[in-house]
PDB file of N, CA and C in Angstrom:
ATOM      1  N   UNK A   1     -16.148   6.598 -10.790  1.00  0.00           N
ATOM      2  CA  UNK A   1     -14.888   5.736 -10.829  1.00  0.00           C
ATOM      3  C   UNK A   1     -13.963   6.334  -9.991  1.00  0.00           C
ATOM      4  N   UNK A   2     -12.964   5.467  -9.453  1.00  0.00           N
ATOM      5  CA  UNK A   2     -11.854   5.868  -8.620  1.00  0.00           C
ATOM      6  C   UNK A   2     -10.570   5.794  -9.433  1.00  0.00           C
ATOM      7  N   UNK A   3      -9.759   6.906  -9.278  1.00  0.00           N
ATOM      8  CA  UNK A   3      -8.561   6.753  -9.805  1.00  0.00           C
ATOM      9  C   UNK A   3      -7.461   6.882  -8.660  1.00  0.00           C
ATOM     10  N   UNK A   4      -6.403   6.156  -8.685  1.00  0.00           N
ATOM     11  CA  UNK A   4      -5.381   6.023  -7.573  1.00  0.00           C
ATOM     12  C   UNK A   4      -4.002   6.440  -8.399  1.00  0.00           C
ATOM     13  N   UNK A   5      -3.196   7.010  -7.490  1.00  0.00           N
ATOM     14  CA  UNK A   5      -1.889   7.384  -7.909  1.00  0.00           C
ATOM     15  C   UNK A   5      -0.915   7.315  -6.633  1.00  0.00           C
ATOM     16  N   UNK A   6      -0.060   6.436  -6.559  1.00  0.00           N
ATOM     17  CA  UNK A   6       0.825   6.166  -5.780  1.00  0.00           C
ATOM     18  C   UNK A   6       2.192   7.239  -5.733  1.00  0.00           C
ATOM     19  N   UNK A   7       2.825   7.353  -4.561  1.00  0.00           N
ATOM     20  CA  UNK A   7       4.022   8.259  -4.626  1.00  0.00           C
ATOM     21  C   UNK A   7       4.623   7.844  -3.447  1.00  0.00           C
ATOM     22  N   UNK A   8       6.007   8.078  -3.343  1.00  0.00           N
ATOM     23  CA  UNK A   8       6.763   8.163  -2.073  1.00  0.00           C
ATOM     24  C   UNK A   8       7.878   7.056  -2.359  1.00  0.00           C
ATOM     25  N   UNK A   9       8.110   6.327  -3.256  1.00  0.00           N
ATOM     26  CA  UNK A   9       8.849   5.312  -3.648  1.00  0.00           C
ATOM     27  C   UNK A   9      10.129   5.721  -3.795  1.00  0.00           C
ATOM     28  N   UNK A  10      11.381   5.203  -3.693  1.00  0.00           N
ATOM     29  CA  UNK A  10      12.527   5.519  -4.041  1.00  0.00           C
ATOM     30  C   UNK A  10      13.696   4.440  -3.560  1.00  0.00           C
ATOM     31  N   UNK A  11      14.850   4.844  -3.538  1.00  0.00           N
ATOM     32  CA  UNK A  11      16.087   3.954  -3.176  1.00  0.00           C
ATOM     33  C   UNK A  11      16.464   4.333  -1.787  1.00  0.00           C
ATOM     34  N   UNK A  12      16.465   3.379  -0.917  1.00  0.00           N
ATOM     35  CA  UNK A  12      16.616   3.430   0.579  1.00  0.00           C
ATOM     36  C   UNK A  12      17.546   2.314   0.974  1.00  0.00           C
ATOM     37  N   UNK A  13      18.470   2.554   1.934  1.00  0.00           N
ATOM     38  CA  UNK A  13      19.406   1.538   2.541  1.00  0.00           C
ATOM     39  C   UNK A  13      18.602   0.552   3.528  1.00  0.00           C
ATOM     40  N   UNK A  14      18.900  -0.698   3.445  1.00  0.00           N
ATOM     41  CA  UNK A  14      18.541  -1.597   4.547  1.00  0.00           C
ATOM     42  C   UNK A  14      18.483  -1.018   5.829  1.00  0.00           C
ATOM     43  N   UNK A  15      17.515  -1.259   6.683  1.00  0.00           N
ATOM     44  CA  UNK A  15      17.254  -0.546   8.017  1.00  0.00           C
ATOM     45  C   UNK A  15      16.516   1.059   7.916  1.00  0.00           C
ATOM     46  N   UNK A  16      16.606   1.363   6.779  1.00  0.00           N
ATOM     47  CA  UNK A  16      15.805   2.473   6.757  1.00  0.00           C
ATOM     48  C   UNK A  16      14.386   2.559   6.592  1.00  0.00           C
ATOM     49  N   UNK A  17      13.610   3.777   6.446  1.00  0.00           N
ATOM     50  CA  UNK A  17      12.161   3.787   6.243  1.00  0.00           C
ATOM     51  C   UNK A  17      11.841   4.471   5.090  1.00  0.00           C
ATOM     52  N   UNK A  18      10.547   4.460   4.779  1.00  0.00           N
ATOM     53  CA  UNK A  18       9.997   4.921   3.570  1.00  0.00           C
ATOM     54  C   UNK A  18       8.489   5.186   3.863  1.00  0.00           C
ATOM     55  N   UNK A  19       7.847   6.259   3.454  1.00  0.00           N
ATOM     56  CA  UNK A  19       6.434   6.312   3.570  1.00  0.00           C
ATOM     57  C   UNK A  19       5.749   6.422   2.190  1.00  0.00           C
ATOM     58  N   UNK A  20       4.814   5.357   1.772  1.00  0.00           N
ATOM     59  CA  UNK A  20       4.089   5.656   0.421  1.00  0.00           C
ATOM     60  C   UNK A  20       2.710   6.088   0.831  1.00  0.00           C
ATOM     61  N   UNK A  21       2.492   6.913  -0.365  1.00  0.00           N
ATOM     62  CA  UNK A  21       1.136   7.536  -0.355  1.00  0.00           C
ATOM     63  C   UNK A  21       0.351   7.119  -1.495  1.00  0.00           C
ATOM     64  N   UNK A  22      -1.040   7.084  -1.230  1.00  0.00           N
ATOM     65  CA  UNK A  22      -1.693   6.649  -2.482  1.00  0.00           C
ATOM     66  C   UNK A  22      -2.939   7.459  -2.487  1.00  0.00           C
ATOM     67  N   UNK A  23      -3.093   8.539  -3.409  1.00  0.00           N
ATOM     68  CA  UNK A  23      -4.167   9.682  -3.484  1.00  0.00           C
ATOM     69  C   UNK A  23      -5.212   9.039  -4.278  1.00  0.00           C
ATOM     70  N   UNK A  24      -6.488   9.280  -3.890  1.00  0.00           N
ATOM     71  CA  UNK A  24      -7.599   8.705  -4.737  1.00  0.00           C
ATOM     72  C   UNK A  24      -8.662   9.904  -5.331  1.00  0.00           C
ATOM     73  N   UNK A  25      -8.916   9.793  -6.373  1.00  0.00           N
ATOM     74  CA  UNK A  25     -10.031  10.881  -6.813  1.00  0.00           C
ATOM     75  C   UNK A  25     -11.255  10.496  -6.619  1.00  0.00           C
ATOM     76  N   UNK A  26     -12.283  11.483  -6.639  1.00  0.00           N
ATOM     77  CA  UNK A  26     -13.611  11.232  -6.307  1.00  0.00           C
ATOM     78  C   UNK A  26     -13.989  11.436  -4.809  1.00  0.00           C
ATOM     79  N   UNK A  27     -15.283  11.351  -4.534  1.00  0.00           N
ATOM     80  CA  UNK A  27     -15.897  11.677  -3.313  1.00  0.00           C
ATOM     81  C   UNK A  27     -16.207  10.373  -2.548  1.00  0.00           C
ATOM     82  N   UNK A  28     -16.040   9.221  -3.022  1.00  0.00           N
ATOM     83  CA  UNK A  28     -16.521   7.898  -2.390  1.00  0.00           C
ATOM     84  C   UNK A  28     -15.200   7.166  -1.790  1.00  0.00           C
ATOM     85  N   UNK A  29     -14.236   7.863  -1.525  1.00  0.00           N
ATOM     86  CA  UNK A  29     -12.985   7.100  -1.104  1.00  0.00           C
ATOM     87  C   UNK A  29     -13.257   6.468   0.258  1.00  0.00           C
ATOM     88  N   UNK A  30     -14.171   7.186   1.018  1.00  0.00           N
ATOM     89  CA  UNK A  30     -14.393   6.343   2.500  1.00  0.00           C
ATOM     90  C   UNK A  30     -15.185   5.306   2.363  1.00  0.00           C
ATOM     91  N   UNK A  31     -15.710   4.882   1.279  1.00  0.00           N
ATOM     92  CA  UNK A  31     -16.480   3.735   1.005  1.00  0.00           C
ATOM     93  C   UNK A  31     -15.782   2.351   0.515  1.00  0.00           C
ATOM     94  N   UNK A  32     -14.465   2.594   0.339  1.00  0.00           N
ATOM     95  CA  UNK A  32     -13.746   1.575  -0.149  1.00  0.00           C
ATOM     96  C   UNK A  32     -12.722   1.105   0.752  1.00  0.00           C
ATOM     97  N   UNK A  33     -12.503  -0.354   0.945  1.00  0.00           N
ATOM     98  CA  UNK A  33     -11.455  -0.907   1.478  1.00  0.00           C
ATOM     99  C   UNK A  33     -10.221  -0.648   0.742  1.00  0.00           C
ATOM    100  N   UNK A  34      -9.240  -0.272   1.383  1.00  0.00           N
ATOM    101  CA  UNK A  34      -8.021  -0.051   0.612  1.00  0.00           C
ATOM    102  C   UNK A  34      -6.902  -1.133   0.810  1.00  0.00           C
ATOM    103  N   UNK A  35      -6.051  -1.255  -0.183  1.00  0.00           N
ATOM    104  CA  UNK A  35      -5.009  -2.432  -0.034  1.00  0.00           C
ATOM    105  C   UNK A  35      -3.765  -1.818  -0.504  1.00  0.00           C
ATOM    106  N   UNK A  36      -2.722  -2.452  -0.086  1.00  0.00           N
ATOM    107  CA  UNK A  36      -1.439  -2.420  -0.607  1.00  0.00           C
ATOM    108  C   UNK A  36      -0.896  -3.690  -1.003  1.00  0.00           C
ATOM    109  N   UNK A  37      -0.293  -3.809  -2.426  1.00  0.00           N
ATOM    110  CA  UNK A  37       0.239  -4.973  -2.680  1.00  0.00           C
ATOM    111  C   UNK A  37       1.674  -4.733  -3.367  1.00  0.00           C
ATOM    112  N   UNK A  38       2.505  -5.727  -3.556  1.00  0.00           N
ATOM    113  CA  UNK A  38       3.742  -5.617  -4.071  1.00  0.00           C
ATOM    114  C   UNK A  38       4.156  -6.697  -5.010  1.00  0.00           C
ATOM    115  N   UNK A  39       5.041  -6.331  -6.105  1.00  0.00           N
ATOM    116  CA  UNK A  39       5.426  -7.268  -6.900  1.00  0.00           C
ATOM    117  C   UNK A  39       6.916  -7.172  -7.220  1.00  0.00           C
ATOM    118  N   UNK A  40       7.772  -8.171  -7.138  1.00  0.00           N
ATOM    119  CA  UNK A  40       9.121  -8.088  -7.521  1.00  0.00           C
ATOM    120  C   UNK A  40       9.311  -8.654  -8.972  1.00  0.00           C
ATOM    121  N   UNK A  41      10.213  -8.407  -9.688  1.00  0.00           N
ATOM    122  CA  UNK A  41      10.505  -9.031 -10.752  1.00  0.00           C
ATOM    123  C   UNK A  41      10.620 -10.610 -10.749  1.00  0.00           C
ATOM    124  N   UNK A  42       9.945 -11.268 -11.528  1.00  0.00           N
ATOM    125  CA  UNK A  42       9.966 -12.620 -11.600  1.00  0.00           C
ATOM    126  C   UNK A  42       9.114 -13.367 -10.525  1.00  0.00           C
ATOM    127  N   UNK A  43       8.423 -12.596  -9.570  1.00  0.00           N
ATOM    128  CA  UNK A  43       7.703 -13.040  -8.581  1.00  0.00           C
ATOM    129  C   UNK A  43       6.158 -12.799  -8.774  1.00  0.00           C
ATOM    130  N   UNK A  44       5.244 -13.532  -8.190  1.00  0.00           N
ATOM    131  CA  UNK A  44       3.880 -13.251  -8.098  1.00  0.00           C
ATOM    132  C   UNK A  44       3.478 -11.832  -7.260  1.00  0.00           C
ATOM    133  N   UNK A  45       2.457 -11.419  -7.614  1.00  0.00           N
ATOM    134  CA  UNK A  45       2.091 -10.305  -6.550  1.00  0.00           C
ATOM    135  C   UNK A  45       1.742 -10.738  -5.357  1.00  0.00           C
ATOM    136  N   UNK A  46       2.193  -9.810  -4.276  1.00  0.00           N
ATOM    137  CA  UNK A  46       1.988 -10.297  -2.906  1.00  0.00           C
ATOM    138  C   UNK A  46       1.180  -9.258  -2.126  1.00  0.00           C
ATOM    139  N   UNK A  47       0.311  -9.927  -1.273  1.00  0.00           N
ATOM    140  CA  UNK A  47      -0.680  -9.061  -0.556  1.00  0.00           C
ATOM    141  C   UNK A  47       0.270  -8.368   0.389  1.00  0.00           C
ATOM    142  N   UNK A  48       0.055  -7.219   1.013  1.00  0.00           N
ATOM    143  CA  UNK A  48       1.109  -6.367   1.855  1.00  0.00           C
ATOM    144  C   UNK A  48       0.127  -6.023   3.177  1.00  0.00           C
ATOM    145  N   UNK A  49      -0.822  -5.162   2.806  1.00  0.00           N
ATOM    146  CA  UNK A  49      -1.703  -4.585   3.838  1.00  0.00           C
ATOM    147  C   UNK A  49      -3.193  -4.201   3.333  1.00  0.00           C
ATOM    148  N   UNK A  50      -4.058  -4.241   4.320  1.00  0.00           N
ATOM    149  CA  UNK A  50      -5.457  -3.818   3.920  1.00  0.00           C
ATOM    150  C   UNK A  50      -5.904  -2.998   5.232  1.00  0.00           C
ATOM    151  N   UNK A  51      -6.865  -2.086   4.914  1.00  0.00           N
ATOM    152  CA  UNK A  51      -7.385  -1.306   5.889  1.00  0.00           C
ATOM    153  C   UNK A  51      -8.882  -1.167   5.472  1.00  0.00           C
ATOM    154  N   UNK A  52      -9.933  -1.063   6.496  1.00  0.00           N
ATOM    155  CA  UNK A  52     -11.171  -1.022   6.345  1.00  0.00           C
ATOM    156  C   UNK A  52     -11.622   0.432   5.917  1.00  0.00           C
ATOM    157  N   UNK A  53     -12.755   0.543   5.604  1.00  0.00           N
ATOM    158  CA  UNK A  53     -13.448   1.977   5.040  1.00  0.00           C
ATOM    159  C   UNK A  53     -13.145   3.074   5.953  1.00  0.00           C
ATOM    160  N   UNK A  54     -13.319   2.966   7.390  1.00  0.00           N
ATOM    161  CA  UNK A  54     -13.131   3.906   8.450  1.00  0.00           C
ATOM    162  C   UNK A  54     -11.928   3.685   9.142  1.00  0.00           C
ATOM    163  N   UNK A  55     -10.941   2.836   8.670  1.00  0.00           N
ATOM    164  CA  UNK A  55      -9.728   2.558   9.509  1.00  0.00           C
ATOM    165  C   UNK A  55      -9.561   1.931  10.725  1.00  0.00           C
ATOM    166  N   UNK A  56     -10.927   1.322  10.819  1.00  0.00           N
ATOM    167  CA  UNK A  56     -11.022   0.351  12.209  1.00  0.00           C
ATOM    168  C   UNK A  56     -10.432  -0.984  12.159  1.00  0.00           C
ATOM    169  N   UNK A  57     -10.125  -1.490  10.997  1.00  0.00           N
ATOM    170  CA  UNK A  57      -9.514  -2.788  10.960  1.00  0.00           C
ATOM    171  C   UNK A  57      -8.474  -2.806  10.000  1.00  0.00           C
ATOM    172  N   UNK A  58      -7.404  -3.540  10.185  1.00  0.00           N
ATOM    173  CA  UNK A  58      -6.120  -3.691   9.330  1.00  0.00           C
ATOM    174  C   UNK A  58      -5.632  -5.080   9.481  1.00  0.00           C
ATOM    175  N   UNK A  59      -4.995  -5.488   8.294  1.00  0.00           N
ATOM    176  CA  UNK A  59      -4.607  -6.830   8.093  1.00  0.00           C
ATOM    177  C   UNK A  59      -3.159  -6.621   7.311  1.00  0.00           C
ATOM    178  N   UNK A  60      -2.330  -7.450   7.762  1.00  0.00           N
ATOM    179  CA  UNK A  60      -0.892  -7.361   7.298  1.00  0.00           C
ATOM    180  C   UNK A  60      -0.333  -8.810   6.714  1.00  0.00           C
ATOM    181  N   UNK A  61       0.493  -8.849   5.991  1.00  0.00           N
ATOM    182  CA  UNK A  61       1.372 -10.058   5.430  1.00  0.00           C
ATOM    183  C   UNK A  61       2.224 -10.454   6.671  1.00  0.00           C
ATOM    184  N   UNK A  62       2.540 -11.768   6.894  1.00  0.00           N
ATOM    185  CA  UNK A  62       3.409 -12.103   7.931  1.00  0.00           C
ATOM    186  C   UNK A  62       4.885 -11.464   7.707  1.00  0.00           C
ATOM    187  N   UNK A  63       5.130 -11.368   6.419  1.00  0.00           N
ATOM    188  CA  UNK A  63       6.514 -10.800   6.238  1.00  0.00           C
ATOM    189  C   UNK A  63       6.726  -9.386   6.438  1.00  0.00           C
ATOM    190  N   UNK A  64       5.679  -8.654   6.821  1.00  0.00           N
ATOM    191  CA  UNK A  64       5.689  -7.151   6.983  1.00  0.00           C
ATOM    192  C   UNK A  64       5.387  -6.821   8.405  1.00  0.00           C
ATOM    193  N   UNK A  65       4.530  -7.712   9.061  1.00  0.00           N
ATOM    194  CA  UNK A  65       3.784  -7.479  10.260  1.00  0.00           C
ATOM    195  C   UNK A  65       4.966  -6.875  11.332  1.00  0.00           C
ATOM    196  N   UNK A  66       4.688  -5.858  12.013  1.00  0.00           N
ATOM    197  CA  UNK A  66       5.547  -5.231  12.963  1.00  0.00           C
ATOM    198  C   UNK A  66       6.544  -4.353  12.367  1.00  0.00           C
ATOM    199  N   UNK A  67       6.586  -4.232  11.086  1.00  0.00           N
ATOM    200  CA  UNK A  67       7.607  -3.231  10.505  1.00  0.00           C
ATOM    201  C   UNK A  67       6.545  -2.226   9.492  1.00  0.00           C
ATOM    202  N   UNK A  68       5.707  -2.728   9.060  1.00  0.00           N
ATOM    203  CA  UNK A  68       4.710  -1.797   8.134  1.00  0.00           C
ATOM    204  C   UNK A  68       3.544  -1.371   8.848  1.00  0.00           C
ATOM    205  N   UNK A  69       2.965  -0.196   8.524  1.00  0.00           N
ATOM    206  CA  UNK A  69       1.761   0.302   9.059  1.00  0.00           C
ATOM    207  C   UNK A  69       0.888   0.930   7.978  1.00  0.00           C
ATOM    208  N   UNK A  70      -0.368   0.495   7.897  1.00  0.00           N
ATOM    209  CA  UNK A  70      -1.173   1.038   6.811  1.00  0.00           C
ATOM    210  C   UNK A  70      -2.213   2.205   7.706  1.00  0.00           C
ATOM    211  N   UNK A  71      -2.367   3.129   6.996  1.00  0.00           N
ATOM    212  CA  UNK A  71      -3.436   4.186   7.785  1.00  0.00           C
ATOM    213  C   UNK A  71      -4.135   4.960   6.664  1.00  0.00           C
ATOM    214  N   UNK A  72      -5.088   5.633   6.859  1.00  0.00           N
ATOM    215  CA  UNK A  72      -5.743   6.372   5.818  1.00  0.00           C
ATOM    216  C   UNK A  72      -6.344   7.732   6.529  1.00  0.00           C
ATOM    217  N   UNK A  73      -6.405   8.556   5.773  1.00  0.00           N
ATOM    218  CA  UNK A  73      -6.981  10.003   6.035  1.00  0.00           C
ATOM    219  C   UNK A  73      -8.124  10.153   5.060  1.00  0.00           C
ATOM    220  N   UNK A  74      -9.464   9.938   5.304  1.00  0.00           N
ATOM    221  CA  UNK A  74     -10.475  10.049   4.210  1.00  0.00           C
ATOM    222  C   UNK A  74     -10.789  11.438   4.123  1.00  0.00           C
ATOM    223  N   UNK A  75     -10.456  12.433   4.798  1.00  0.00           N
ATOM    224  CA  UNK A  75     -10.669  13.704   4.650  1.00  0.00           C
ATOM    225  C   UNK A  75      -9.618  14.286   3.287  1.00  0.00           C
ATOM    226  N   UNK A  76      -8.587  13.492   3.274  1.00  0.00           N
ATOM    227  CA  UNK A  76      -7.661  13.792   2.218  1.00  0.00           C
ATOM    228  C   UNK A  76      -7.614  12.746   1.154  1.00  0.00           C
ATOM    229  N   UNK A  77      -8.514  11.872   1.196  1.00  0.00           N
ATOM    230  CA  UNK A  77      -8.681  10.869   0.162  1.00  0.00           C
ATOM    231  C   UNK A  77      -7.228  10.073  -0.070  1.00  0.00           C
ATOM    232  N   UNK A  78      -6.565   9.736   1.060  1.00  0.00           N
ATOM    233  CA  UNK A  78      -5.206   9.199   0.876  1.00  0.00           C
ATOM    234  C   UNK A  78      -5.070   8.059   1.791  1.00  0.00           C
ATOM    235  N   UNK A  79      -4.542   7.041   1.382  1.00  0.00           N
ATOM    236  CA  UNK A  79      -4.102   6.051   2.240  1.00  0.00           C
ATOM    237  C   UNK A  79      -2.488   5.859   2.152  1.00  0.00           C
ATOM    238  N   UNK A  80      -1.819   5.403   3.313  1.00  0.00           N
ATOM    239  CA  UNK A  80      -0.466   5.484   3.382  1.00  0.00           C
ATOM    240  C   UNK A  80      -0.046   4.189   3.936  1.00  0.00           C
ATOM    241  N   UNK A  81       1.353   3.801   3.545  1.00  0.00           N
ATOM    242  CA  UNK A  81       2.040   2.658   3.932  1.00  0.00           C
ATOM    243  C   UNK A  81       3.328   3.130   4.601  1.00  0.00           C
ATOM    244  N   UNK A  82       3.369   3.291   5.849  1.00  0.00           N
ATOM    245  CA  UNK A  82       4.533   3.469   6.533  1.00  0.00           C
ATOM    246  C   UNK A  82       5.437   2.436   6.647  1.00  0.00           C
ATOM    247  N   UNK A  83       6.787   2.336   6.099  1.00  0.00           N
ATOM    248  CA  UNK A  83       7.540   1.176   6.063  1.00  0.00           C
ATOM    249  C   UNK A  83       9.000   1.285   6.830  1.00  0.00           C
ATOM    250  N   UNK A  84       9.175   0.785   8.054  1.00  0.00           N
ATOM    251  CA  UNK A  84      10.141   0.829   8.692  1.00  0.00           C
ATOM    252  C   UNK A  84      11.245  -0.197   8.672  1.00  0.00           C
ATOM    253  N   UNK A  85      12.277  -0.301   9.247  1.00  0.00           N
ATOM    254  CA  UNK A  85      13.160  -1.454   9.082  1.00  0.00           C
ATOM    255  C   UNK A  85      13.331  -2.188   7.829  1.00  0.00           C
ATOM    256  N   UNK A  86      13.331  -1.357   6.876  1.00  0.00           N
ATOM    257  CA  UNK A  86      13.389  -2.092   5.434  1.00  0.00           C
ATOM    258  C   UNK A  86      14.543  -3.112   4.986  1.00  0.00           C
ATOM    259  N   UNK A  87      14.006  -4.175   4.409  1.00  0.00           N
ATOM    260  CA  UNK A  87      15.166  -5.147   4.069  1.00  0.00           C
ATOM    261  C   UNK A  87      15.102  -5.270   2.508  1.00  0.00           C
ATOM    262  N   UNK A  88      16.305  -5.864   1.963  1.00  0.00           N
ATOM    263  CA  UNK A  88      16.358  -5.996   0.381  1.00  0.00           C
ATOM    264  C   UNK A  88      15.259  -6.808  -0.130  1.00  0.00           C
ATOM    265  N   UNK A  89      14.713  -7.628   0.732  1.00  0.00           N
ATOM    266  CA  UNK A  89      13.549  -8.475   0.221  1.00  0.00           C
ATOM    267  C   UNK A  89      12.137  -7.606   0.093  1.00  0.00           C
ATOM    268  N   UNK A  90      12.239  -6.454   0.588  1.00  0.00           N
ATOM    269  CA  UNK A  90      10.968  -5.509   0.458  1.00  0.00           C
ATOM    270  C   UNK A  90      10.946  -4.809  -0.879  1.00  0.00           C
ATOM    271  N   UNK A  91      12.136  -4.996  -1.620  1.00  0.00           N
ATOM    272  CA  UNK A  91      12.335  -4.449  -3.092  1.00  0.00           C
ATOM    273  C   UNK A  91      11.133  -4.728  -3.890  1.00  0.00           C
ATOM    274  N   UNK A  92      10.398  -3.815  -4.653  1.00  0.00           N
ATOM    275  CA  UNK A  92       9.287  -4.395  -5.280  1.00  0.00           C
ATOM    276  C   UNK A  92       8.579  -3.120  -5.843  1.00  0.00           C
ATOM    277  N   UNK A  93       7.595  -3.279  -6.812  1.00  0.00           N
ATOM    278  CA  UNK A  93       6.703  -2.381  -7.183  1.00  0.00           C
ATOM    279  C   UNK A  93       5.451  -2.497  -6.356  1.00  0.00           C
ATOM    280  N   UNK A  94       5.110  -1.078  -5.593  1.00  0.00           N
ATOM    281  CA  UNK A  94       4.350  -1.154  -4.658  1.00  0.00           C
ATOM    282  C   UNK A  94       3.039  -0.490  -5.290  1.00  0.00           C
ATOM    283  N   UNK A  95       1.819  -1.154  -5.151  1.00  0.00           N
ATOM    284  CA  UNK A  95       0.694  -0.784  -5.888  1.00  0.00           C
ATOM    285  C   UNK A  95      -0.531  -0.595  -4.807  1.00  0.00           C
ATOM    286  N   UNK A  96      -1.203   0.555  -4.862  1.00  0.00           N
ATOM    287  CA  UNK A  96      -2.535   0.417  -4.109  1.00  0.00           C
ATOM    288  C   UNK A  96      -3.863  -0.001  -4.870  1.00  0.00           C
ATOM    289  N   UNK A  97      -4.843  -0.432  -4.070  1.00  0.00           N
ATOM    290  CA  UNK A  97      -5.949  -0.776  -4.871  1.00  0.00           C
ATOM    291  C   UNK A  97      -7.129  -0.781  -3.857  1.00  0.00           C
ATOM    292  N   UNK A  98      -8.269  -0.444  -4.633  1.00  0.00           N
ATOM    293  CA  UNK A  98      -9.567  -0.255  -3.860  1.00  0.00           C
ATOM    294  C   UNK A  98     -10.542  -1.191  -4.058  1.00  0.00           C
ATOM    295  N   UNK A  99     -11.257  -1.838  -3.021  1.00  0.00           N
ATOM    296  CA  UNK A  99     -12.386  -2.694  -3.258  1.00  0.00           C
ATOM    297  C   UNK A  99     -13.525  -2.561  -2.408  1.00  0.00           C
ATOM    298  N   UNK A 100     -14.643  -3.104  -2.876  1.00  0.00           N
ATOM    299  CA  UNK A 100     -15.948  -2.665  -2.137  1.00  0.00           C
ATOM    300  C   UNK A 100     -16.161  -3.379  -0.824  1.00  0.00           C
ATOM    301  N   UNK A 101     -15.527  -4.664  -0.603  1.00  0.00           N
ATOM    302  CA  UNK A 101     -15.641  -5.373   0.675  1.00  0.00           C
ATOM    303  C   UNK A 101     -14.467  -5.754   1.150  1.00  0.00           C
ATOM    304  N   UNK A 102     -14.342  -6.103   2.603  1.00  0.00           N
ATOM    305  CA  UNK A 102     -12.993  -6.706   3.093  1.00  0.00           C
ATOM    306  C   UNK A 102     -12.447  -7.809   2.458  1.00  0.00           C
ATOM    307  N   UNK A 103     -13.407  -8.698   1.948  1.00  0.00           N
ATOM    308  CA  UNK A 103     -12.976 -10.037   1.311  1.00  0.00           C
ATOM    309  C   UNK A 103     -12.957 -10.107  -0.152  1.00  0.00           C
ATOM    310  N   UNK A 104     -13.487  -9.118  -0.837  1.00  0.00           N
ATOM    311  CA  UNK A 104     -13.628  -9.102  -2.241  1.00  0.00           C
ATOM    312  C   UNK A 104     -12.460  -8.553  -2.915  1.00  0.00           C
ATOM    313  N   UNK A 105     -12.346  -8.769  -4.223  1.00  0.00           N
ATOM    314  CA  UNK A 105     -11.169  -8.333  -5.143  1.00  0.00           C
ATOM    315  C   UNK A 105     -11.226  -6.936  -5.194  1.00  0.00           C
ATOM    316  N   UNK A 106     -10.044  -6.346  -5.524  1.00  0.00           N
ATOM    317  CA  UNK A 106     -10.102  -4.982  -5.669  1.00  0.00           C
ATOM    318  C   UNK A 106     -10.612  -4.593  -7.069  1.00  0.00           C
ATOM    319  N   UNK A 107     -11.515  -3.297  -7.161  1.00  0.00           N
ATOM    320  CA  UNK A 107     -11.870  -2.965  -8.546  1.00  0.00           C
ATOM    321  C   UNK A 107     -10.817  -1.930  -9.378  1.00  0.00           C
ATOM    322  N   UNK A 108     -10.117  -1.348  -8.431  1.00  0.00           N
ATOM    323  CA  UNK A 108      -9.299  -0.057  -8.952  1.00  0.00           C
ATOM    324  C   UNK A 108      -7.891  -0.205  -8.449  1.00  0.00           C
ATOM    325  N   UNK A 109      -6.983  -0.028  -9.423  1.00  0.00           N
ATOM    326  CA  UNK A 109      -5.486  -0.030  -9.236  1.00  0.00           C
ATOM    327  C   UNK A 109      -4.915   1.215  -9.583  1.00  0.00           C
ATOM    328  N   UNK A 110      -3.788   1.421  -8.817  1.00  0.00           N
ATOM    329  CA  UNK A 110      -2.892   2.454  -9.320  1.00  0.00           C
ATOM    330  C   UNK A 110      -1.624   1.893 -10.157  1.00  0.00           C
ATOM    331  N   UNK A 111      -0.913   2.750 -10.594  1.00  0.00           N
ATOM    332  CA  UNK A 111       0.151   2.211 -11.538  1.00  0.00           C
ATOM    333  C   UNK A 111       1.270   1.786 -10.806  1.00  0.00           C
ATOM    334  N   UNK A 112       1.550   2.198  -9.574  1.00  0.00           N
ATOM    335  CA  UNK A 112       2.444   1.692  -8.648  1.00  0.00           C
ATOM    336  C   UNK A 112       3.554   2.574  -8.450  1.00  0.00           C
ATOM    337  N   UNK A 113       4.359   2.432  -7.294  1.00  0.00           N
ATOM    338  CA  UNK A 113       5.557   3.274  -7.171  1.00  0.00           C
ATOM    339  C   UNK A 113       6.725   2.171  -6.635  1.00  0.00           C
ATOM    340  N   UNK A 114       7.818   2.337  -7.368  1.00  0.00           N
ATOM    341  CA  UNK A 114       9.120   1.439  -7.215  1.00  0.00           C
ATOM    342  C   UNK A 114       9.760   1.727  -5.774  1.00  0.00           C
ATOM    343  N   UNK A 115       9.978   0.862  -5.020  1.00  0.00           N
ATOM    344  CA  UNK A 115      10.547   0.676  -3.803  1.00  0.00           C
ATOM    345  C   UNK A 115      11.870  -0.095  -3.954  1.00  0.00           C
ATOM    346  N   UNK A 116      13.100   0.247  -3.945  1.00  0.00           N
ATOM    347  CA  UNK A 116      14.466  -0.422  -3.879  1.00  0.00           C
ATOM    348  C   UNK A 116      15.025  -0.228  -2.663  1.00  0.00           C
ATOM    349  N   UNK A 117      15.487  -1.214  -2.056  1.00  0.00           N
ATOM    350  CA  UNK A 117      16.245  -1.412  -0.805  1.00  0.00           C
ATOM    351  C   UNK A 117      17.750  -1.994  -0.922  1.00  0.00           C
ATOM    352  N   UNK A 118      18.699  -1.174  -0.687  1.00  0.00           N
ATOM    353  CA  UNK A 118      19.992  -1.664  -0.878  1.00  0.00           C
ATOM    354  C   UNK A 118      20.614  -2.211   0.397  1.00  0.00           C
ATOM    355  N   UNK A 119      21.494  -3.316   0.214  1.00  0.00           N
ATOM    356  CA  UNK A 119      22.103  -3.967   1.242  1.00  0.00           C
ATOM    357  C   UNK A 119      23.343  -3.303   1.786  1.00  0.00           C
TER     358      UNK A 119
END
């Protein structure tokens, strides 16, 4: 089983940057596709970014493309989300998730880390 713990959230002014981390337990981290999702109060959960097992393929939501970068370090069992030029609409609870295939639902979820962007 995989356990995921997010960190790095906080309060940042618009235009600022933040780097989120998601640390995974276990030795099978490199076999999982890793995802970032976010959910703001009163809104549906939204896909943010996805990265393949070896980091060779990435995908981003249009709303964050060009501003966010997903990466992973399999030696450290960690996936990252670098967020630049943050906007108030980026405010949400950000969660990481692990799945077995590129196009399949995630099997494991972290508890999330709160990101709040002030205008």
